[in-house]
């Protein structure tokens, strides 16, 4: 059983926000992001955002990702599905999903940045090859224009030096 990390009020706030996301047509991702900041108004520090999700530090070793678009809802759903369905030998390369619901997901937080050097590049390529062999396409990690370029913003290391992917909402699993 996973720990309870969100209060009932947090979940109600997210639920109301996600209903709005599903109904409202935002003019831009910036508009949905700005609206999310105002409406969610969490006491947690915001540590990042992308085009489709906003990320909060729960200050306890975990992060909360909340969708700010329909695509963000889908990305959270994909992360939960990927994490829970991959082979355990590959699961160690994904930030663990602790809890999730409609439009939100809680994951373990990793702070050690992925520094680009030849050894880390090779480690990443080797890990991504393992994914490919298991039918997982790691979209958003390798540049579509240049297969020798890695999007390191989605990569971190554990304290033990294990490579971990912190954003895998665009991954695809062959079924």
C-alpha atoms as a PDB file:
ATOM      1  CA  UNK A   1       0.000   0.000   0.000  1.00  0.00           C
ATOM      2  CA  UNK A   2       1.428   3.378  -0.974  1.00  0.00           C
ATOM      3  CA  UNK A   3       1.644   6.199   1.557  1.00  0.00           C
ATOM      4  CA  UNK A   4      -1.004   8.894   1.576  1.00  0.00           C
ATOM      5  CA  UNK A   5       0.823  11.977   0.344  1.00  0.00           C
ATOM      6  CA  UNK A   6      -2.007  14.276  -0.691  1.00  0.00           C
ATOM      7  CA  UNK A   7      -4.626  15.662   1.620  1.00  0.00           C
ATOM      8  CA  UNK A   8      -8.302  15.285   0.825  1.00  0.00           C
ATOM      9  CA  UNK A   9      -8.363  19.022   0.017  1.00  0.00           C
ATOM     10  CA  UNK A  10      -5.429  18.606  -2.409  1.00  0.00           C
ATOM     11  CA  UNK A  11      -7.275  15.812  -4.211  1.00  0.00           C
ATOM     12  CA  UNK A  12     -10.505  17.849  -4.384  1.00  0.00           C
ATOM     13  CA  UNK A  13      -8.578  20.823  -5.779  1.00  0.00           C
ATOM     14  CA  UNK A  14      -6.931  18.632  -8.428  1.00  0.00           C
ATOM     15  CA  UNK A  15     -10.259  16.987  -9.303  1.00  0.00           C
ATOM     16  CA  UNK A  16     -11.888  20.388  -9.890  1.00  0.00           C
ATOM     17  CA  UNK A  17      -8.899  21.522 -11.937  1.00  0.00           C
ATOM     18  CA  UNK A  18      -8.906  18.402 -14.136  1.00  0.00           C
ATOM     19  CA  UNK A  19     -12.652  18.818 -14.810  1.00  0.00           C
ATOM     20  CA  UNK A  20     -11.874  22.328 -16.031  1.00  0.00           C
ATOM     21  CA  UNK A  21      -8.963  21.119 -18.170  1.00  0.00           C
ATOM     22  CA  UNK A  22     -11.227  18.579 -19.849  1.00  0.00           C
ATOM     23  CA  UNK A  23     -13.931  21.193 -20.582  1.00  0.00           C
ATOM     24  CA  UNK A  24     -12.067  24.409 -21.277  1.00  0.00           C
ATOM     25  CA  UNK A  25     -10.303  25.340 -24.500  1.00  0.00           C
ATOM     26  CA  UNK A  26      -7.143  27.191 -23.481  1.00  0.00           C
ATOM     27  CA  UNK A  27      -5.659  29.562 -26.051  1.00  0.00           C
ATOM     28  CA  UNK A  28      -2.125  28.396 -25.254  1.00  0.00           C
ATOM     29  CA  UNK A  29      -0.155  26.154 -22.929  1.00  0.00           C
ATOM     30  CA  UNK A  30       0.987  29.339 -21.165  1.00  0.00           C
ATOM     31  CA  UNK A  31      -2.649  30.242 -20.461  1.00  0.00           C
ATOM     32  CA  UNK A  32      -3.408  26.782 -19.032  1.00  0.00           C
ATOM     33  CA  UNK A  33      -0.204  26.862 -16.984  1.00  0.00           C
ATOM     34  CA  UNK A  34      -1.022  30.315 -15.538  1.00  0.00           C
ATOM     35  CA  UNK A  35      -4.574  29.230 -14.760  1.00  0.00           C
ATOM     36  CA  UNK A  36      -3.272  26.061 -13.067  1.00  0.00           C
ATOM     37  CA  UNK A  37      -0.925  28.074 -10.844  1.00  0.00           C
ATOM     38  CA  UNK A  38      -3.805  30.288  -9.673  1.00  0.00           C
ATOM     39  CA  UNK A  39      -6.397  27.574  -9.192  1.00  0.00           C
ATOM     40  CA  UNK A  40      -4.198  24.893  -7.633  1.00  0.00           C
ATOM     41  CA  UNK A  41      -2.498  27.322  -5.242  1.00  0.00           C
ATOM     42  CA  UNK A  42      -0.678  24.518  -3.403  1.00  0.00           C
ATOM     43  CA  UNK A  43       1.618  25.193  -0.455  1.00  0.00           C
ATOM     44  CA  UNK A  44       4.283  23.112  -2.234  1.00  0.00           C
ATOM     45  CA  UNK A  45       7.046  24.784  -4.222  1.00  0.00           C
ATOM     46  CA  UNK A  46       6.746  24.516  -7.975  1.00  0.00           C
ATOM     47  CA  UNK A  47       9.936  22.978  -9.346  1.00  0.00           C
ATOM     48  CA  UNK A  48       9.139  22.667 -13.018  1.00  0.00           C
ATOM     49  CA  UNK A  49       6.686  22.704 -15.820  1.00  0.00           C
ATOM     50  CA  UNK A  50       6.432  21.533 -19.350  1.00  0.00           C
ATOM     51  CA  UNK A  51       3.876  22.187 -22.024  1.00  0.00           C
ATOM     52  CA  UNK A  52       1.437  19.744 -20.437  1.00  0.00           C
ATOM     53  CA  UNK A  53       2.206  19.350 -16.723  1.00  0.00           C
ATOM     54  CA  UNK A  54       3.273  21.336 -13.690  1.00  0.00           C
ATOM     55  CA  UNK A  55       5.532  19.731 -11.070  1.00  0.00           C
ATOM     56  CA  UNK A  56       5.513  20.411  -7.337  1.00  0.00           C
ATOM     57  CA  UNK A  57       8.014  19.303  -4.695  1.00  0.00           C
ATOM     58  CA  UNK A  58       6.082  17.702  -1.837  1.00  0.00           C
ATOM     59  CA  UNK A  59       9.125  18.312   0.411  1.00  0.00           C
ATOM     60  CA  UNK A  60       9.270  14.676   1.474  1.00  0.00           C
ATOM     61  CA  UNK A  61      11.278  13.006  -1.293  1.00  0.00           C
ATOM     62  CA  UNK A  62       8.376  12.985  -3.757  1.00  0.00           C
ATOM     63  CA  UNK A  63       7.044  15.172  -6.552  1.00  0.00           C
ATOM     64  CA  UNK A  64       3.488  15.780  -7.698  1.00  0.00           C
ATOM     65  CA  UNK A  65       2.851  16.185 -11.433  1.00  0.00           C
ATOM     66  CA  UNK A  66      -0.495  17.765 -12.299  1.00  0.00           C
ATOM     67  CA  UNK A  67      -1.812  17.944 -15.853  1.00  0.00           C
ATOM     68  CA  UNK A  68      -2.439  21.385 -17.328  1.00  0.00           C
ATOM     69  CA  UNK A  69      -3.796  19.994 -20.600  1.00  0.00           C
ATOM     70  CA  UNK A  70      -5.560  16.926 -21.976  1.00  0.00           C
ATOM     71  CA  UNK A  71      -2.158  15.740 -23.206  1.00  0.00           C
ATOM     72  CA  UNK A  72      -0.840  16.061 -19.636  1.00  0.00           C
ATOM     73  CA  UNK A  73      -3.647  13.827 -18.392  1.00  0.00           C
ATOM     74  CA  UNK A  74      -2.583  11.257 -20.991  1.00  0.00           C
ATOM     75  CA  UNK A  75       1.124  11.603 -20.072  1.00  0.00           C
ATOM     76  CA  UNK A  76       0.393  10.901 -16.394  1.00  0.00           C
ATOM     77  CA  UNK A  77      -1.677   7.869 -17.355  1.00  0.00           C
ATOM     78  CA  UNK A  78       1.132   6.580 -19.593  1.00  0.00           C
ATOM     79  CA  UNK A  79       3.733   6.983 -16.828  1.00  0.00           C
ATOM     80  CA  UNK A  80       1.611   4.954 -14.407  1.00  0.00           C
ATOM     81  CA  UNK A  81       0.996   2.273 -17.043  1.00  0.00           C
ATOM     82  CA  UNK A  82       4.644   2.064 -18.103  1.00  0.00           C
ATOM     83  CA  UNK A  83       5.938   1.889 -14.554  1.00  0.00           C
ATOM     84  CA  UNK A  84       3.508  -0.819 -13.470  1.00  0.00           C
ATOM     85  CA  UNK A  85       3.795  -2.939 -16.613  1.00  0.00           C
ATOM     86  CA  UNK A  86       7.520  -3.051 -17.381  1.00  0.00           C
ATOM     87  CA  UNK A  87       9.816  -5.891 -16.537  1.00  0.00           C
ATOM     88  CA  UNK A  88      11.259  -5.358 -13.007  1.00  0.00           C
ATOM     89  CA  UNK A  89      14.795  -5.359 -14.434  1.00  0.00           C
ATOM     90  CA  UNK A  90      13.826  -2.234 -16.418  1.00  0.00           C
ATOM     91  CA  UNK A  91      11.630  -0.670 -13.734  1.00  0.00           C
ATOM     92  CA  UNK A  92      14.736   0.354 -11.799  1.00  0.00           C
ATOM     93  CA  UNK A  93      15.418   2.873 -14.589  1.00  0.00           C
ATOM     94  CA  UNK A  94      12.125   4.712 -14.038  1.00  0.00           C
ATOM     95  CA  UNK A  95      11.301   7.163 -11.272  1.00  0.00           C
ATOM     96  CA  UNK A  96       8.944   5.086  -9.113  1.00  0.00           C
ATOM     97  CA  UNK A  97       5.252   5.908  -9.289  1.00  0.00           C
ATOM     98  CA  UNK A  98       4.026   6.107  -5.700  1.00  0.00           C
ATOM     99  CA  UNK A  99       0.395   7.071  -6.322  1.00  0.00           C
ATOM    100  CA  UNK A 100      -1.738   8.441  -9.127  1.00  0.00           C
ATOM    101  CA  UNK A 101      -5.234   9.519  -9.996  1.00  0.00           C
ATOM    102  CA  UNK A 102      -7.090  11.248 -12.796  1.00  0.00           C
ATOM    103  CA  UNK A 103      -4.718  13.934 -14.065  1.00  0.00           C
ATOM    104  CA  UNK A 104      -2.055  13.622 -11.354  1.00  0.00           C
ATOM    105  CA  UNK A 105       0.817  11.386 -10.383  1.00  0.00           C
ATOM    106  CA  UNK A 106       3.253  11.221  -7.465  1.00  0.00           C
ATOM    107  CA  UNK A 107       6.781   9.978  -8.102  1.00  0.00           C
ATOM    108  CA  UNK A 108       9.975   9.676  -6.166  1.00  0.00           C
ATOM    109  CA  UNK A 109      12.172  12.752  -6.525  1.00  0.00           C
ATOM    110  CA  UNK A 110      15.722  12.533  -7.892  1.00  0.00           C
ATOM    111  CA  UNK A 111      18.110  15.481  -7.655  1.00  0.00           C
ATOM    112  CA  UNK A 112      21.387  14.189  -9.108  1.00  0.00           C
ATOM    113  CA  UNK A 113      21.541  15.685 -12.583  1.00  0.00           C
ATOM    114  CA  UNK A 114      22.618  13.701 -15.607  1.00  0.00           C
ATOM    115  CA  UNK A 115      25.886  15.210 -16.774  1.00  0.00           C
ATOM    116  CA  UNK A 116      26.708  14.654 -20.404  1.00  0.00           C
ATOM    117  CA  UNK A 117      30.010  12.915 -20.923  1.00  0.00           C
ATOM    118  CA  UNK A 118      31.050   9.935 -23.004  1.00  0.00           C
ATOM    119  CA  UNK A 119      30.552   7.353 -20.223  1.00  0.00           C
ATOM    120  CA  UNK A 120      27.065   8.641 -19.331  1.00  0.00           C
ATOM    121  CA  UNK A 121      26.105   8.854 -23.002  1.00  0.00           C
ATOM    122  CA  UNK A 122      27.083   5.192 -23.459  1.00  0.00           C
ATOM    123  CA  UNK A 123      25.216   4.217 -20.277  1.00  0.00           C
ATOM    124  CA  UNK A 124      22.102   5.966 -21.560  1.00  0.00           C
ATOM    125  CA  UNK A 125      22.346   4.356 -25.017  1.00  0.00           C
ATOM    126  CA  UNK A 126      22.804   0.915 -23.421  1.00  0.00           C
ATOM    127  CA  UNK A 127      19.755   1.456 -21.193  1.00  0.00           C
ATOM    128  CA  UNK A 128      17.648   2.666 -24.126  1.00  0.00           C
ATOM    129  CA  UNK A 129      18.726  -0.413 -26.122  1.00  0.00           C
ATOM    130  CA  UNK A 130      17.340  -2.575 -23.282  1.00  0.00           C
ATOM    131  CA  UNK A 131      14.049  -0.687 -23.594  1.00  0.00           C
ATOM    132  CA  UNK A 132      13.936  -1.275 -27.348  1.00  0.00           C
ATOM    133  CA  UNK A 133      14.520  -5.012 -26.879  1.00  0.00           C
ATOM    134  CA  UNK A 134      11.497  -5.073 -24.540  1.00  0.00           C
ATOM    135  CA  UNK A 135       9.280  -3.207 -27.041  1.00  0.00           C
ATOM    136  CA  UNK A 136       9.498   0.193 -25.345  1.00  0.00           C
ATOM    137  CA  UNK A 137      10.025   3.257 -27.517  1.00  0.00           C
ATOM    138  CA  UNK A 138      11.564   6.035 -25.404  1.00  0.00           C
ATOM    139  CA  UNK A 139      10.154   9.088 -27.199  1.00  0.00           C
ATOM    140  CA  UNK A 140      11.429  12.387 -25.797  1.00  0.00           C
ATOM    141  CA  UNK A 141      14.808  11.039 -24.665  1.00  0.00           C
ATOM    142  CA  UNK A 142      16.648  10.828 -27.978  1.00  0.00           C
ATOM    143  CA  UNK A 143      16.441  13.699 -30.438  1.00  0.00           C
ATOM    144  CA  UNK A 144      14.441  12.851 -33.550  1.00  0.00           C
ATOM    145  CA  UNK A 145      16.764  15.015 -35.641  1.00  0.00           C
ATOM    146  CA  UNK A 146      19.994  13.664 -34.190  1.00  0.00           C
ATOM    147  CA  UNK A 147      20.010  10.136 -32.712  1.00  0.00           C
ATOM    148  CA  UNK A 148      23.344  10.935 -31.048  1.00  0.00           C
ATOM    149  CA  UNK A 149      21.755  13.730 -29.008  1.00  0.00           C
ATOM    150  CA  UNK A 150      20.056  12.930 -25.696  1.00  0.00           C
ATOM    151  CA  UNK A 151      17.450  15.039 -23.897  1.00  0.00           C
ATOM    152  CA  UNK A 152      19.146  14.966 -20.524  1.00  0.00           C
ATOM    153  CA  UNK A 153      16.501  17.098 -18.779  1.00  0.00           C
ATOM    154  CA  UNK A 154      14.467  13.914 -18.239  1.00  0.00           C
ATOM    155  CA  UNK A 155      17.396  11.936 -16.821  1.00  0.00           C
ATOM    156  CA  UNK A 156      18.807  11.744 -13.294  1.00  0.00           C
ATOM    157  CA  UNK A 157      21.006   9.475 -11.191  1.00  0.00           C
ATOM    158  CA  UNK A 158      20.209   7.760  -7.930  1.00  0.00           C
ATOM    159  CA  UNK A 159      22.633   8.218  -5.019  1.00  0.00           C
ATOM    160  CA  UNK A 160      24.089   4.851  -6.064  1.00  0.00           C
ATOM    161  CA  UNK A 161      24.731   6.064  -9.624  1.00  0.00           C
ATOM    162  CA  UNK A 162      21.811   4.246 -11.299  1.00  0.00           C
ATOM    163  CA  UNK A 163      20.352   6.025 -14.349  1.00  0.00           C
ATOM    164  CA  UNK A 164      16.705   7.025 -13.780  1.00  0.00           C
ATOM    165  CA  UNK A 165      14.191   8.544 -16.177  1.00  0.00           C
ATOM    166  CA  UNK A 166      11.983  11.098 -14.420  1.00  0.00           C
ATOM    167  CA  UNK A 167       9.644  11.906 -17.308  1.00  0.00           C
ATOM    168  CA  UNK A 168       8.434   9.034 -19.448  1.00  0.00           C
ATOM    169  CA  UNK A 169       4.963  10.237 -20.359  1.00  0.00           C
ATOM    170  CA  UNK A 170       5.809  10.016 -24.044  1.00  0.00           C
ATOM    171  CA  UNK A 171       7.105   6.447 -23.929  1.00  0.00           C
ATOM    172  CA  UNK A 172       5.311   3.813 -25.939  1.00  0.00           C
ATOM    173  CA  UNK A 173       4.966   0.108 -25.145  1.00  0.00           C
ATOM    174  CA  UNK A 174       4.211  -2.409 -27.877  1.00  0.00           C
ATOM    175  CA  UNK A 175       1.400  -4.655 -26.775  1.00  0.00           C
END
